[in-house]
Amino acid sequence: MKADATTDPELACPISPVVDIVFSRWTTPILWSLHTFGRQRFVELERRVTGITPKVLTQRLRQLERDGLVVRTYHPEVPPRVEYEISELGRSLAPLFAHLTEWATANLGHVERAREEYDAAGSPR
């Protein structure tokens, strides 16, 4: 059977793979931190991305490295040092994040008001 927009969600919405890569729970704050503050060690990222557990941070960094959005550099010193930085591919997301920031600034107030109105009216029946 040939895939089409009704059987393959990626054909129905071609940005689905990008959303899955970039907008998973912790990816955006990690990329934002690396873009804003530059190369960082694990503990620096852990401090800046509040609420993330070390296990999840490790998992997300590995996935971001695998996806080519983050570069991991191992320094064979005593003690060993590992640093993470955003890759060129990761930096290419900056315009997307800038547009989302503009949208958020312009519209999150509207979203909050819509939620308040919806909640005040009660849930749909």
N, C-alpha and C. Protein backbone atom coordinates (compact mmCIF):
# COMPACT_ATOMS: atom_id res chain seq x y z
N MET A 1 0.84 -1.18 0.00
CA MET A 1 0.00 0.00 0.00
C MET A 1 0.89 1.24 0.00
N LYS A 2 0.56 2.18 -0.84
CA LYS A 2 1.32 3.42 -0.97
C LYS A 2 0.90 4.41 0.12
N ALA A 3 1.89 5.05 0.76
CA ALA A 3 1.59 6.03 1.82
C ALA A 3 1.04 7.31 1.20
N ASP A 4 0.06 7.88 1.87
CA ASP A 4 -0.46 9.19 1.48
C ASP A 4 -0.77 9.98 2.74
N ALA A 5 -1.32 11.16 2.58
CA ALA A 5 -1.56 12.05 3.71
C ALA A 5 -2.54 11.47 4.72
N THR A 6 -3.35 10.50 4.31
CA THR A 6 -4.30 9.91 5.25
C THR A 6 -3.67 8.77 6.06
N THR A 7 -2.57 8.19 5.56
CA THR A 7 -1.94 7.07 6.27
C THR A 7 -0.60 7.42 6.89
N ASP A 8 0.04 8.48 6.42
CA ASP A 8 1.36 8.87 6.92
C ASP A 8 1.29 10.29 7.48
N PRO A 9 1.38 10.44 8.83
CA PRO A 9 1.26 11.76 9.42
C PRO A 9 2.31 12.75 8.92
N GLU A 10 3.48 12.26 8.52
CA GLU A 10 4.52 13.17 8.03
C GLU A 10 4.14 13.78 6.69
N LEU A 11 3.34 13.05 5.89
CA LEU A 11 2.87 13.61 4.64
C LEU A 11 1.72 14.60 4.89
N ALA A 12 0.92 14.32 5.89
CA ALA A 12 -0.18 15.22 6.23
C ALA A 12 0.36 16.54 6.79
N CYS A 13 1.46 16.47 7.53
CA CYS A 13 2.07 17.66 8.12
C CYS A 13 3.59 17.53 7.99
N PRO A 14 4.17 18.10 6.96
CA PRO A 14 5.59 17.89 6.69
C PRO A 14 6.53 18.46 7.76
N ILE A 15 6.02 19.28 8.66
CA ILE A 15 6.91 19.79 9.72
C ILE A 15 6.90 18.91 10.96
N SER A 16 6.09 17.85 10.97
CA SER A 16 6.03 16.96 12.13
C SER A 16 7.39 16.47 12.60
N PRO A 17 8.27 16.01 11.69
CA PRO A 17 9.58 15.55 12.17
C PRO A 17 10.39 16.65 12.85
N VAL A 18 10.27 17.88 12.35
CA VAL A 18 10.99 19.00 12.94
C VAL A 18 10.45 19.30 14.33
N VAL A 19 9.14 19.28 14.46
CA VAL A 19 8.52 19.53 15.76
C VAL A 19 8.96 18.46 16.76
N ASP A 20 9.00 17.21 16.32
CA ASP A 20 9.43 16.12 17.20
C ASP A 20 10.88 16.31 17.65
N ILE A 21 11.74 16.77 16.76
CA ILE A 21 13.16 16.96 17.09
C ILE A 21 13.36 18.17 17.99
N VAL A 22 12.82 19.29 17.60
CA VAL A 22 13.15 20.56 18.23
C VAL A 22 12.29 20.89 19.45
N PHE A 23 11.05 20.44 19.47
CA PHE A 23 10.16 20.90 20.52
C PHE A 23 9.77 19.83 21.53
N SER A 24 10.61 18.83 21.68
CA SER A 24 10.34 17.89 22.76
C SER A 24 10.60 18.60 24.08
N ARG A 25 10.12 18.06 25.14
CA ARG A 25 10.06 18.71 26.46
C ARG A 25 11.28 19.53 26.85
N TRP A 26 12.48 19.01 26.75
CA TRP A 26 13.66 19.71 27.26
C TRP A 26 14.59 20.22 26.18
N THR A 27 14.33 19.89 24.93
CA THR A 27 15.23 20.28 23.85
C THR A 27 15.35 21.79 23.71
N THR A 28 14.23 22.47 23.69
CA THR A 28 14.27 23.91 23.48
C THR A 28 15.05 24.65 24.56
N PRO A 29 14.83 24.37 25.86
CA PRO A 29 15.65 25.07 26.86
C PRO A 29 17.14 24.75 26.77
N ILE A 30 17.48 23.51 26.41
CA ILE A 30 18.89 23.15 26.27
C ILE A 30 19.51 23.93 25.11
N LEU A 31 18.85 23.92 23.96
CA LEU A 31 19.39 24.64 22.80
C LEU A 31 19.45 26.14 23.07
N TRP A 32 18.43 26.66 23.74
CA TRP A 32 18.40 28.09 24.07
C TRP A 32 19.59 28.44 24.95
N SER A 33 19.85 27.64 25.96
CA SER A 33 20.96 27.88 26.87
C SER A 33 22.30 27.83 26.14
N LEU A 34 22.48 26.83 25.29
CA LEU A 34 23.74 26.71 24.56
C LEU A 34 23.91 27.85 23.56
N HIS A 35 22.82 28.27 22.96
CA HIS A 35 22.89 29.39 22.01
C HIS A 35 23.19 30.70 22.73
N THR A 36 22.55 30.90 23.87
CA THR A 36 22.68 32.15 24.60
C THR A 36 24.00 32.26 25.36
N PHE A 37 24.42 31.19 26.01
CA PHE A 37 25.59 31.24 26.90
C PHE A 37 26.83 30.56 26.32
N GLY A 38 26.71 29.95 25.16
CA GLY A 38 27.87 29.32 24.53
C GLY A 38 28.22 27.97 25.13
N ARG A 39 29.43 27.54 24.88
CA ARG A 39 29.92 26.23 25.34
C ARG A 39 29.77 26.10 26.85
N GLN A 40 29.24 24.93 27.27
CA GLN A 40 29.01 24.71 28.71
C GLN A 40 29.32 23.28 29.09
N ARG A 41 29.69 23.12 30.33
CA ARG A 41 29.84 21.79 30.91
C ARG A 41 28.47 21.31 31.38
N PHE A 42 28.38 20.01 31.64
CA PHE A 42 27.11 19.39 32.04
C PHE A 42 26.49 20.11 33.24
N VAL A 43 27.30 20.37 34.29
CA VAL A 43 26.75 20.98 35.50
C VAL A 43 26.25 22.40 35.25
N GLU A 44 26.88 23.11 34.32
CA GLU A 44 26.39 24.46 33.99
C GLU A 44 25.03 24.36 33.32
N LEU A 45 24.88 23.44 32.38
CA LEU A 45 23.59 23.24 31.73
C LEU A 45 22.53 22.83 32.74
N GLU A 46 22.92 21.93 33.63
CA GLU A 46 21.98 21.45 34.65
C GLU A 46 21.47 22.59 35.52
N ARG A 47 22.34 23.54 35.85
CA ARG A 47 21.94 24.71 36.65
C ARG A 47 21.03 25.65 35.87
N ARG A 48 21.32 25.81 34.58
CA ARG A 48 20.55 26.77 33.78
C ARG A 48 19.20 26.22 33.34
N VAL A 49 19.13 24.93 33.10
CA VAL A 49 17.86 24.31 32.67
C VAL A 49 17.21 23.75 33.93
N THR A 50 16.56 24.63 34.66
CA THR A 50 16.02 24.25 35.96
C THR A 50 14.91 23.21 35.83
N GLY A 51 14.93 22.26 36.75
CA GLY A 51 13.90 21.25 36.81
C GLY A 51 14.24 19.96 36.07
N ILE A 52 15.28 19.97 35.27
CA ILE A 52 15.65 18.77 34.52
C ILE A 52 16.50 17.86 35.41
N THR A 53 16.28 16.57 35.32
CA THR A 53 17.09 15.63 36.09
C THR A 53 18.37 15.32 35.32
N PRO A 54 19.42 14.90 36.02
CA PRO A 54 20.66 14.54 35.32
C PRO A 54 20.44 13.44 34.27
N LYS A 55 19.60 12.47 34.58
CA LYS A 55 19.33 11.38 33.64
C LYS A 55 18.70 11.91 32.36
N VAL A 56 17.70 12.76 32.51
CA VAL A 56 17.01 13.31 31.33
C VAL A 56 17.94 14.24 30.55
N LEU A 57 18.73 15.04 31.24
CA LEU A 57 19.68 15.92 30.56
C LEU A 57 20.65 15.09 29.74
N THR A 58 21.15 14.01 30.30
CA THR A 58 22.07 13.12 29.58
C THR A 58 21.39 12.56 28.33
N GLN A 59 20.15 12.09 28.49
CA GLN A 59 19.41 11.52 27.35
C GLN A 59 19.20 12.56 26.25
N ARG A 60 18.77 13.75 26.65
CA ARG A 60 18.49 14.80 25.65
C ARG A 60 19.77 15.24 24.95
N LEU A 61 20.87 15.39 25.70
CA LEU A 61 22.13 15.78 25.08
C LEU A 61 22.60 14.73 24.08
N ARG A 62 22.46 13.46 24.42
CA ARG A 62 22.84 12.40 23.49
C ARG A 62 21.99 12.46 22.22
N GLN A 63 20.69 12.67 22.40
CA GLN A 63 19.81 12.75 21.23
C GLN A 63 20.15 13.98 20.37
N LEU A 64 20.40 15.10 21.01
CA LEU A 64 20.76 16.32 20.27
C LEU A 64 22.09 16.15 19.54
N GLU A 65 23.02 15.45 20.16
CA GLU A 65 24.30 15.16 19.50
C GLU A 65 24.05 14.24 18.29
N ARG A 66 23.23 13.23 18.49
CA ARG A 66 22.89 12.29 17.41
C ARG A 66 22.22 13.01 16.25
N ASP A 67 21.34 13.99 16.57
CA ASP A 67 20.62 14.74 15.54
C ASP A 67 21.50 15.81 14.89
N GLY A 68 22.71 16.02 15.41
CA GLY A 68 23.62 17.01 14.83
C GLY A 68 23.40 18.43 15.30
N LEU A 69 22.59 18.61 16.36
CA LEU A 69 22.29 19.95 16.85
C LEU A 69 23.24 20.41 17.95
N VAL A 70 23.93 19.46 18.57
CA VAL A 70 24.87 19.76 19.66
C VAL A 70 26.18 19.01 19.38
N VAL A 71 27.28 19.66 19.73
CA VAL A 71 28.60 19.04 19.61
C VAL A 71 29.12 18.79 21.01
N ARG A 72 29.57 17.56 21.24
CA ARG A 72 30.15 17.17 22.53
C ARG A 72 31.66 17.07 22.34
N THR A 73 32.41 17.75 23.22
CA THR A 73 33.86 17.70 23.16
C THR A 73 34.40 17.11 24.45
N TYR A 74 35.15 16.02 24.30
CA TYR A 74 35.76 15.35 25.44
C TYR A 74 37.22 15.79 25.53
N HIS A 75 37.63 16.26 26.70
CA HIS A 75 39.01 16.67 26.94
C HIS A 75 39.64 15.64 27.88
N PRO A 76 40.60 14.85 27.38
CA PRO A 76 41.20 13.79 28.21
C PRO A 76 42.20 14.34 29.22
N GLU A 77 41.68 15.04 30.20
CA GLU A 77 42.49 15.62 31.26
C GLU A 77 42.25 14.82 32.53
N VAL A 78 42.90 15.22 33.59
CA VAL A 78 42.64 14.62 34.90
C VAL A 78 42.16 15.75 35.81
N PRO A 79 40.90 15.74 36.22
CA PRO A 79 39.84 14.82 35.80
C PRO A 79 39.36 15.15 34.39
N PRO A 80 38.73 14.18 33.71
CA PRO A 80 38.24 14.43 32.35
C PRO A 80 37.22 15.57 32.33
N ARG A 81 37.18 16.29 31.22
CA ARG A 81 36.26 17.42 31.08
C ARG A 81 35.47 17.22 29.79
N VAL A 82 34.16 17.41 29.87
CA VAL A 82 33.28 17.31 28.70
C VAL A 82 32.53 18.62 28.58
N GLU A 83 32.49 19.14 27.36
CA GLU A 83 31.77 20.39 27.09
C GLU A 83 30.79 20.17 25.95
N TYR A 84 29.72 20.94 25.99
CA TYR A 84 28.69 20.87 24.96
C TYR A 84 28.53 22.26 24.36
N GLU A 85 28.32 22.29 23.04
CA GLU A 85 28.02 23.56 22.39
C GLU A 85 27.05 23.31 21.25
N ILE A 86 26.35 24.35 20.89
CA ILE A 86 25.39 24.23 19.81
C ILE A 86 26.17 24.17 18.49
N SER A 87 25.71 23.31 17.58
CA SER A 87 26.38 23.16 16.28
C SER A 87 25.88 24.24 15.32
N GLU A 88 26.50 24.27 14.15
CA GLU A 88 26.02 25.19 13.10
C GLU A 88 24.57 24.86 12.75
N LEU A 89 24.28 23.57 12.65
CA LEU A 89 22.91 23.15 12.36
C LEU A 89 21.96 23.63 13.46
N GLY A 90 22.37 23.51 14.70
CA GLY A 90 21.56 24.00 15.81
C GLY A 90 21.39 25.51 15.76
N ARG A 91 22.48 26.22 15.42
CA ARG A 91 22.40 27.69 15.31
C ARG A 91 21.46 28.12 14.20
N SER A 92 21.30 27.27 13.18
CA SER A 92 20.40 27.64 12.08
C SER A 92 18.94 27.72 12.53
N LEU A 93 18.65 27.22 13.74
CA LEU A 93 17.29 27.32 14.29
C LEU A 93 17.02 28.69 14.92
N ALA A 94 18.05 29.52 15.08
CA ALA A 94 17.89 30.82 15.75
C ALA A 94 16.77 31.67 15.15
N PRO A 95 16.65 31.79 13.82
CA PRO A 95 15.54 32.58 13.28
C PRO A 95 14.17 32.02 13.65
N LEU A 96 14.06 30.70 13.69
CA LEU A 96 12.80 30.07 14.10
C LEU A 96 12.47 30.45 15.54
N PHE A 97 13.46 30.35 16.43
CA PHE A 97 13.25 30.73 17.82
C PHE A 97 12.92 32.22 17.95
N ALA A 98 13.56 33.05 17.13
CA ALA A 98 13.28 34.50 17.16
C ALA A 98 11.83 34.76 16.77
N HIS A 99 11.35 34.08 15.73
CA HIS A 99 9.94 34.26 15.32
C HIS A 99 8.99 33.77 16.39
N LEU A 100 9.32 32.66 17.02
CA LEU A 100 8.47 32.15 18.10
C LEU A 100 8.46 33.11 19.29
N THR A 101 9.60 33.73 19.58
CA THR A 101 9.67 34.71 20.66
C THR A 101 8.77 35.91 20.34
N GLU A 102 8.81 36.38 19.09
CA GLU A 102 7.96 37.49 18.67
C GLU A 102 6.49 37.11 18.82
N TRP A 103 6.15 35.90 18.36
CA TRP A 103 4.77 35.44 18.45
C TRP A 103 4.33 35.36 19.91
N ALA A 104 5.21 34.81 20.76
CA ALA A 104 4.88 34.67 22.18
C ALA A 104 4.65 36.04 22.82
N THR A 105 5.52 36.98 22.51
CA THR A 105 5.40 38.32 23.08
C THR A 105 4.08 38.97 22.65
N ALA A 106 3.73 38.80 21.39
CA ALA A 106 2.52 39.41 20.85
C ALA A 106 1.24 38.69 21.25
N ASN A 107 1.30 37.38 21.49
CA ASN A 107 0.06 36.61 21.59
C ASN A 107 -0.20 35.85 22.88
N LEU A 108 0.78 35.64 23.72
CA LEU A 108 0.51 34.84 24.92
C LEU A 108 -0.51 35.49 25.85
N GLY A 109 -0.56 36.80 25.85
CA GLY A 109 -1.61 37.49 26.62
C GLY A 109 -3.00 37.14 26.10
N HIS A 110 -3.14 37.06 24.77
CA HIS A 110 -4.42 36.68 24.16
C HIS A 110 -4.78 35.24 24.54
N VAL A 111 -3.78 34.37 24.51
CA VAL A 111 -4.01 32.97 24.87
C VAL A 111 -4.48 32.88 26.32
N GLU A 112 -3.83 33.60 27.20
CA GLU A 112 -4.21 33.57 28.62
C GLU A 112 -5.64 34.08 28.82
N ARG A 113 -6.00 35.17 28.12
CA ARG A 113 -7.37 35.69 28.22
C ARG A 113 -8.38 34.67 27.68
N ALA A 114 -8.05 34.03 26.58
CA ALA A 114 -8.96 33.02 26.01
C ALA A 114 -9.14 31.87 26.99
N ARG A 115 -8.08 31.46 27.64
CA ARG A 115 -8.19 30.38 28.64
C ARG A 115 -9.07 30.81 29.80
N GLU A 116 -8.88 32.02 30.28
CA GLU A 116 -9.69 32.53 31.40
C GLU A 116 -11.16 32.57 31.02
N GLU A 117 -11.46 33.06 29.80
CA GLU A 117 -12.85 33.12 29.34
C GLU A 117 -13.45 31.72 29.20
N TYR A 118 -12.67 30.81 28.66
CA TYR A 118 -13.12 29.43 28.49
C TYR A 118 -13.40 28.80 29.85
N ASP A 119 -12.48 28.97 30.78
CA ASP A 119 -12.64 28.39 32.13
C ASP A 119 -13.81 29.01 32.87
N ALA A 120 -14.02 30.32 32.69
CA ALA A 120 -15.13 31.00 33.36
C ALA A 120 -16.48 30.52 32.83
N ALA A 121 -16.52 30.19 31.55
CA ALA A 121 -17.77 29.73 30.93
C ALA A 121 -18.07 28.28 31.27
N GLY A 122 -17.10 27.58 31.81
CA GLY A 122 -17.29 26.16 32.10
C GLY A 122 -16.93 25.33 30.88
N SER A 123 -16.68 24.06 31.11
CA SER A 123 -16.28 23.20 30.00
C SER A 123 -17.45 22.95 29.06
N PRO A 124 -17.15 22.65 27.79
CA PRO A 124 -18.25 22.37 26.83
C PRO A 124 -18.99 21.11 27.24
N ARG A 125 -20.23 21.07 26.91
CA ARG A 125 -21.08 19.93 27.31
C ARG A 125 -21.11 18.89 26.23
